[in-house]
Amino acid sequence: MTRPIRSKIGPEGRIAETIPVEQEPLQSVVLFSLAEPMLSEAIAQTLASPAATRAQVFTQLVREIERFMAKHPEERPWTCNFYSGTDGSTIFRGGVGHSLVVDSAGRLRRARSHEDFETTYRFIDQSCEIETLTPRYEQMREYRPR
C-alpha cells in the first residue's frame, strides 16, 4: 500500500520536498504563484514613482508580469484586465476577485472586484460585458510606501 505524500513548494514556486502526509504539520493549503512576489514588487515600484506617473508605471509592470507568466504555462494562470473608471481612475482587475485602482491623484488602492464598484453592464448578443466602473473609495484599502 502506498502512503500519501504532499509536496512542499519552495520560494521559486518549484517542489522543494515531499513528505508523508502523517508527518506533515497542519497548515493551510494556499496556492502560490510566481506572479505574487512580482506583483508585490510592482506595487512597491509604483508607490516609489511620482503620483502623476503611477497608473502608467503600474500598467507597464503588470504587462511584464503577464508576459512572464505566459512563458510559464505550468504555473497557475495569472491574468489582469484593464479598465478606465468613470472618475478618471485606472482599474486593474485580476482573476481572483481582487482589483487594484490608481485614482486620478495617483493613490493606489486594493479593492474587491464586485463590492467596491458601482458597475454597469452592456449585453451584446449572448455576452455580458462591463460598461462602466465607478470606484467606491471609502470601502478600499490604500497602499502606502513602506
C-alpha atoms as a PDB file:
ATOM      1  CA  MET A   1       0.000   0.000   0.000  1.00  0.00           C
ATOM      2  CA  THR A   2       1.334   3.425  -0.930  1.00  0.00           C
ATOM      3  CA  ARG A   3       1.454   6.198   1.623  1.00  0.00           C
ATOM      4  CA  PRO A   4       0.010   9.586   0.697  1.00  0.00           C
ATOM      5  CA  ILE A   5       2.621  12.304   0.306  1.00  0.00           C
ATOM      6  CA  ARG A   6       2.434  16.046  -0.042  1.00  0.00           C
ATOM      7  CA  SER A   7       4.855  18.272  -1.893  1.00  0.00           C
ATOM      8  CA  LYS A   8       6.132  21.468  -0.335  1.00  0.00           C
ATOM      9  CA  ILE A   9       6.707  24.344  -2.714  1.00  0.00           C
ATOM     10  CA  GLY A  10       9.857  26.404  -2.331  1.00  0.00           C
ATOM     11  CA  PRO A  11      10.190  30.181  -2.807  1.00  0.00           C
ATOM     12  CA  GLU A  12      10.862  29.760  -6.534  1.00  0.00           C
ATOM     13  CA  GLY A  13       7.486  28.054  -6.941  1.00  0.00           C
ATOM     14  CA  ARG A  14       9.031  24.607  -7.513  1.00  0.00           C
ATOM     15  CA  ILE A  15       8.732  21.405  -5.449  1.00  0.00           C
ATOM     16  CA  ALA A  16      11.239  21.690  -2.601  1.00  0.00           C
ATOM     17  CA  GLU A  17      10.496  18.390  -0.852  1.00  0.00           C
ATOM     18  CA  THR A  18       7.888  15.705  -0.419  1.00  0.00           C
ATOM     19  CA  ILE A  19       6.880  14.294   2.968  1.00  0.00           C
ATOM     20  CA  PRO A  20       4.406  11.640   4.113  1.00  0.00           C
ATOM     21  CA  VAL A  21       1.064  13.233   4.961  1.00  0.00           C
ATOM     22  CA  GLU A  22       1.003  11.789   8.503  1.00  0.00           C
ATOM     23  CA  GLN A  23       4.290  13.627   9.275  1.00  0.00           C
ATOM     24  CA  GLU A  24       3.151  16.888   7.770  1.00  0.00           C
ATOM     25  CA  PRO A  25       2.361  19.717  10.203  1.00  0.00           C
ATOM     26  CA  LEU A  26      -1.160  21.099   9.920  1.00  0.00           C
ATOM     27  CA  GLN A  27      -1.274  24.172   7.739  1.00  0.00           C
ATOM     28  CA  SER A  28      -3.480  25.968   5.301  1.00  0.00           C
ATOM     29  CA  VAL A  29      -3.099  24.806   1.736  1.00  0.00           C
ATOM     30  CA  VAL A  30      -2.790  28.010  -0.302  1.00  0.00           C
ATOM     31  CA  LEU A  31      -1.810  28.062  -3.929  1.00  0.00           C
ATOM     32  CA  PHE A  32       1.323  30.020  -4.703  1.00  0.00           C
ATOM     33  CA  SER A  33       2.019  31.797  -7.970  1.00  0.00           C
ATOM     34  CA  LEU A  34       5.335  33.120  -9.212  1.00  0.00           C
ATOM     35  CA  ALA A  35       3.394  36.280 -10.051  1.00  0.00           C
ATOM     36  CA  GLU A  36       2.718  37.088  -6.370  1.00  0.00           C
ATOM     37  CA  PRO A  37       6.202  38.358  -5.443  1.00  0.00           C
ATOM     38  CA  MET A  38       6.351  40.127  -8.805  1.00  0.00           C
ATOM     39  CA  LEU A  39       3.076  41.892  -8.050  1.00  0.00           C
ATOM     40  CA  SER A  40       4.350  42.924  -4.609  1.00  0.00           C
ATOM     41  CA  GLU A  41       7.447  44.390  -6.245  1.00  0.00           C
ATOM     42  CA  ALA A  42       5.297  46.150  -8.873  1.00  0.00           C
ATOM     43  CA  ILE A  43       3.238  47.753  -6.091  1.00  0.00           C
ATOM     44  CA  ALA A  44       6.407  48.908  -4.301  1.00  0.00           C
ATOM     45  CA  GLN A  45       7.884  50.347  -7.525  1.00  0.00           C
ATOM     46  CA  THR A  46       4.612  52.080  -8.322  1.00  0.00           C
ATOM     47  CA  LEU A  47       4.441  53.685  -4.877  1.00  0.00           C
ATOM     48  CA  ALA A  48       8.040  54.879  -5.272  1.00  0.00           C
ATOM     49  CA  SER A  49       7.087  56.617  -8.537  1.00  0.00           C
ATOM     50  CA  PRO A  50       5.718  60.167  -8.757  1.00  0.00           C
ATOM     51  CA  ALA A  51       1.937  60.173  -8.262  1.00  0.00           C
ATOM     52  CA  ALA A  52       1.330  61.551 -11.764  1.00  0.00           C
ATOM     53  CA  THR A  53       3.010  58.507 -13.385  1.00  0.00           C
ATOM     54  CA  ARG A  54       1.737  55.711 -11.159  1.00  0.00           C
ATOM     55  CA  ALA A  55      -1.022  54.427 -13.449  1.00  0.00           C
ATOM     56  CA  GLN A  56       1.424  54.277 -16.366  1.00  0.00           C
ATOM     57  CA  VAL A  57       4.163  52.622 -14.275  1.00  0.00           C
ATOM     58  CA  PHE A  58       1.808  50.030 -12.817  1.00  0.00           C
ATOM     59  CA  THR A  59       0.357  49.241 -16.261  1.00  0.00           C
ATOM     60  CA  GLN A  60       3.845  48.592 -17.632  1.00  0.00           C
ATOM     61  CA  LEU A  61       4.805  46.374 -14.684  1.00  0.00           C
ATOM     62  CA  VAL A  62       1.576  44.362 -14.868  1.00  0.00           C
ATOM     63  CA  ARG A  63       2.143  43.791 -18.596  1.00  0.00           C
ATOM     64  CA  GLU A  64       5.628  42.450 -17.736  1.00  0.00           C
ATOM     65  CA  ILE A  65       4.100  40.025 -15.216  1.00  0.00           C
ATOM     66  CA  GLU A  66       1.591  38.863 -17.838  1.00  0.00           C
ATOM     67  CA  ARG A  67       4.385  38.254 -20.376  1.00  0.00           C
ATOM     68  CA  PHE A  68       6.456  36.362 -17.803  1.00  0.00           C
ATOM     69  CA  MET A  69       3.555  34.175 -16.712  1.00  0.00           C
ATOM     70  CA  ALA A  70       2.599  33.429 -20.337  1.00  0.00           C
ATOM     71  CA  LYS A  71       6.060  31.875 -20.704  1.00  0.00           C
ATOM     72  CA  HIS A  72       5.356  29.592 -17.712  1.00  0.00           C
ATOM     73  CA  PRO A  73       2.169  27.701 -18.605  1.00  0.00           C
ATOM     74  CA  GLU A  74       2.949  25.059 -15.977  1.00  0.00           C
ATOM     75  CA  GLU A  75       2.221  27.647 -13.275  1.00  0.00           C
ATOM     76  CA  ARG A  76      -1.162  28.783 -12.051  1.00  0.00           C
ATOM     77  CA  PRO A  77      -2.625  31.189 -14.646  1.00  0.00           C
ATOM     78  CA  TRP A  78      -2.337  34.903 -13.898  1.00  0.00           C
ATOM     79  CA  THR A  79      -4.378  37.499 -15.737  1.00  0.00           C
ATOM     80  CA  CYS A  80      -5.338  41.125 -15.404  1.00  0.00           C
ATOM     81  CA  ASN A  81      -7.957  43.195 -17.214  1.00  0.00           C
ATOM     82  CA  PHE A  82      -7.588  46.965 -17.513  1.00  0.00           C
ATOM     83  CA  TYR A  83     -10.457  49.461 -17.248  1.00  0.00           C
ATOM     84  CA  SER A  84     -10.872  53.218 -17.005  1.00  0.00           C
ATOM     85  CA  GLY A  85     -13.072  54.300 -14.120  1.00  0.00           C
ATOM     86  CA  THR A  86     -15.798  56.879 -14.620  1.00  0.00           C
ATOM     87  CA  ASP A  87     -13.754  59.257 -12.429  1.00  0.00           C
ATOM     88  CA  GLY A  88     -10.535  59.009 -14.475  1.00  0.00           C
ATOM     89  CA  SER A  89      -9.037  56.197 -12.397  1.00  0.00           C
ATOM     90  CA  THR A  90      -7.237  53.196 -13.860  1.00  0.00           C
ATOM     91  CA  ILE A  91      -8.578  49.849 -12.662  1.00  0.00           C
ATOM     92  CA  PHE A  92      -6.697  46.557 -12.779  1.00  0.00           C
ATOM     93  CA  ARG A  93      -8.976  43.536 -12.235  1.00  0.00           C
ATOM     94  CA  GLY A  94      -7.413  40.161 -11.510  1.00  0.00           C
ATOM     95  CA  GLY A  95      -8.919  36.736 -11.870  1.00  0.00           C
ATOM     96  CA  VAL A  96      -9.382  36.027  -8.151  1.00  0.00           C
ATOM     97  CA  GLY A  97     -11.862  38.700  -7.125  1.00  0.00           C
ATOM     98  CA  HIS A  98      -9.386  41.481  -6.337  1.00  0.00           C
ATOM     99  CA  SER A  99      -8.706  44.746  -8.090  1.00  0.00           C
ATOM    100  CA  LEU A 100      -6.129  47.499  -7.794  1.00  0.00           C
ATOM    101  CA  VAL A 101      -7.101  51.086  -8.512  1.00  0.00           C
ATOM    102  CA  VAL A 102      -4.890  54.069  -9.255  1.00  0.00           C
ATOM    103  CA  ASP A 103      -7.093  57.122  -8.759  1.00  0.00           C
ATOM    104  CA  SER A 104      -6.684  60.389 -10.647  1.00  0.00           C
ATOM    105  CA  ALA A 105      -4.458  61.752  -7.834  1.00  0.00           C
ATOM    106  CA  GLY A 106      -2.125  58.724  -8.090  1.00  0.00           C
ATOM    107  CA  ARG A 107      -3.214  56.945  -4.899  1.00  0.00           C
ATOM    108  CA  LEU A 108      -3.070  53.143  -5.180  1.00  0.00           C
ATOM    109  CA  ARG A 109      -5.822  51.121  -3.543  1.00  0.00           C
ATOM    110  CA  ARG A 110      -6.779  47.481  -3.168  1.00  0.00           C
ATOM    111  CA  ALA A 111     -10.415  46.686  -3.896  1.00  0.00           C
ATOM    112  CA  ARG A 112     -12.778  43.773  -4.138  1.00  0.00           C
ATOM    113  CA  SER A 113     -13.790  43.382  -7.768  1.00  0.00           C
ATOM    114  CA  HIS A 114     -17.534  43.460  -7.191  1.00  0.00           C
ATOM    115  CA  GLU A 115     -18.378  45.093  -3.859  1.00  0.00           C
ATOM    116  CA  ASP A 116     -16.103  48.123  -4.240  1.00  0.00           C
ATOM    117  CA  PHE A 117     -17.502  49.384  -7.556  1.00  0.00           C
ATOM    118  CA  GLU A 118     -20.774  50.615  -8.937  1.00  0.00           C
ATOM    119  CA  THR A 119     -20.866  48.651 -12.176  1.00  0.00           C
ATOM    120  CA  THR A 120     -22.996  48.885 -15.284  1.00  0.00           C
ATOM    121  CA  TYR A 121     -23.058  46.209 -17.956  1.00  0.00           C
ATOM    122  CA  ARG A 122     -23.803  46.002 -21.647  1.00  0.00           C
ATOM    123  CA  PHE A 123     -25.351  42.984 -23.268  1.00  0.00           C
ATOM    124  CA  ILE A 124     -24.169  42.098 -26.754  1.00  0.00           C
ATOM    125  CA  ASP A 125     -25.634  39.022 -28.405  1.00  0.00           C
ATOM    126  CA  GLN A 126     -25.082  36.264 -25.838  1.00  0.00           C
ATOM    127  CA  SER A 127     -22.425  38.016 -23.742  1.00  0.00           C
ATOM    128  CA  CYS A 128     -22.412  40.415 -20.815  1.00  0.00           C
ATOM    129  CA  GLU A 129     -19.522  42.868 -20.536  1.00  0.00           C
ATOM    130  CA  ILE A 130     -18.595  45.620 -18.101  1.00  0.00           C
ATOM    131  CA  GLU A 131     -19.603  49.013 -19.464  1.00  0.00           C
ATOM    132  CA  THR A 132     -18.639  51.336 -16.590  1.00  0.00           C
ATOM    133  CA  LEU A 133     -16.901  51.068 -13.228  1.00  0.00           C
ATOM    134  CA  THR A 134     -17.261  53.749 -10.563  1.00  0.00           C
ATOM    135  CA  PRO A 135     -14.909  53.138  -7.612  1.00  0.00           C
ATOM    136  CA  ARG A 136     -16.261  53.308  -4.043  1.00  0.00           C
ATOM    137  CA  TYR A 137     -13.051  54.501  -2.408  1.00  0.00           C
ATOM    138  CA  GLU A 138     -14.433  54.596   1.120  1.00  0.00           C
ATOM    139  CA  GLN A 139     -14.530  50.787   1.087  1.00  0.00           C
ATOM    140  CA  MET A 140     -10.995  50.281  -0.270  1.00  0.00           C
ATOM    141  CA  ARG A 141      -7.640  49.937   1.440  1.00  0.00           C
ATOM    142  CA  GLU A 142      -4.992  52.430   0.324  1.00  0.00           C
ATOM    143  CA  TYR A 143      -1.442  51.201  -0.251  1.00  0.00           C
ATOM    144  CA  ARG A 144       1.283  53.440   1.143  1.00  0.00           C
ATOM    145  CA  PRO A 145       5.056  53.299   0.695  1.00  0.00           C
ATOM    146  CA  ARG A 146       6.837  51.284   3.395  1.00  0.00           C
END
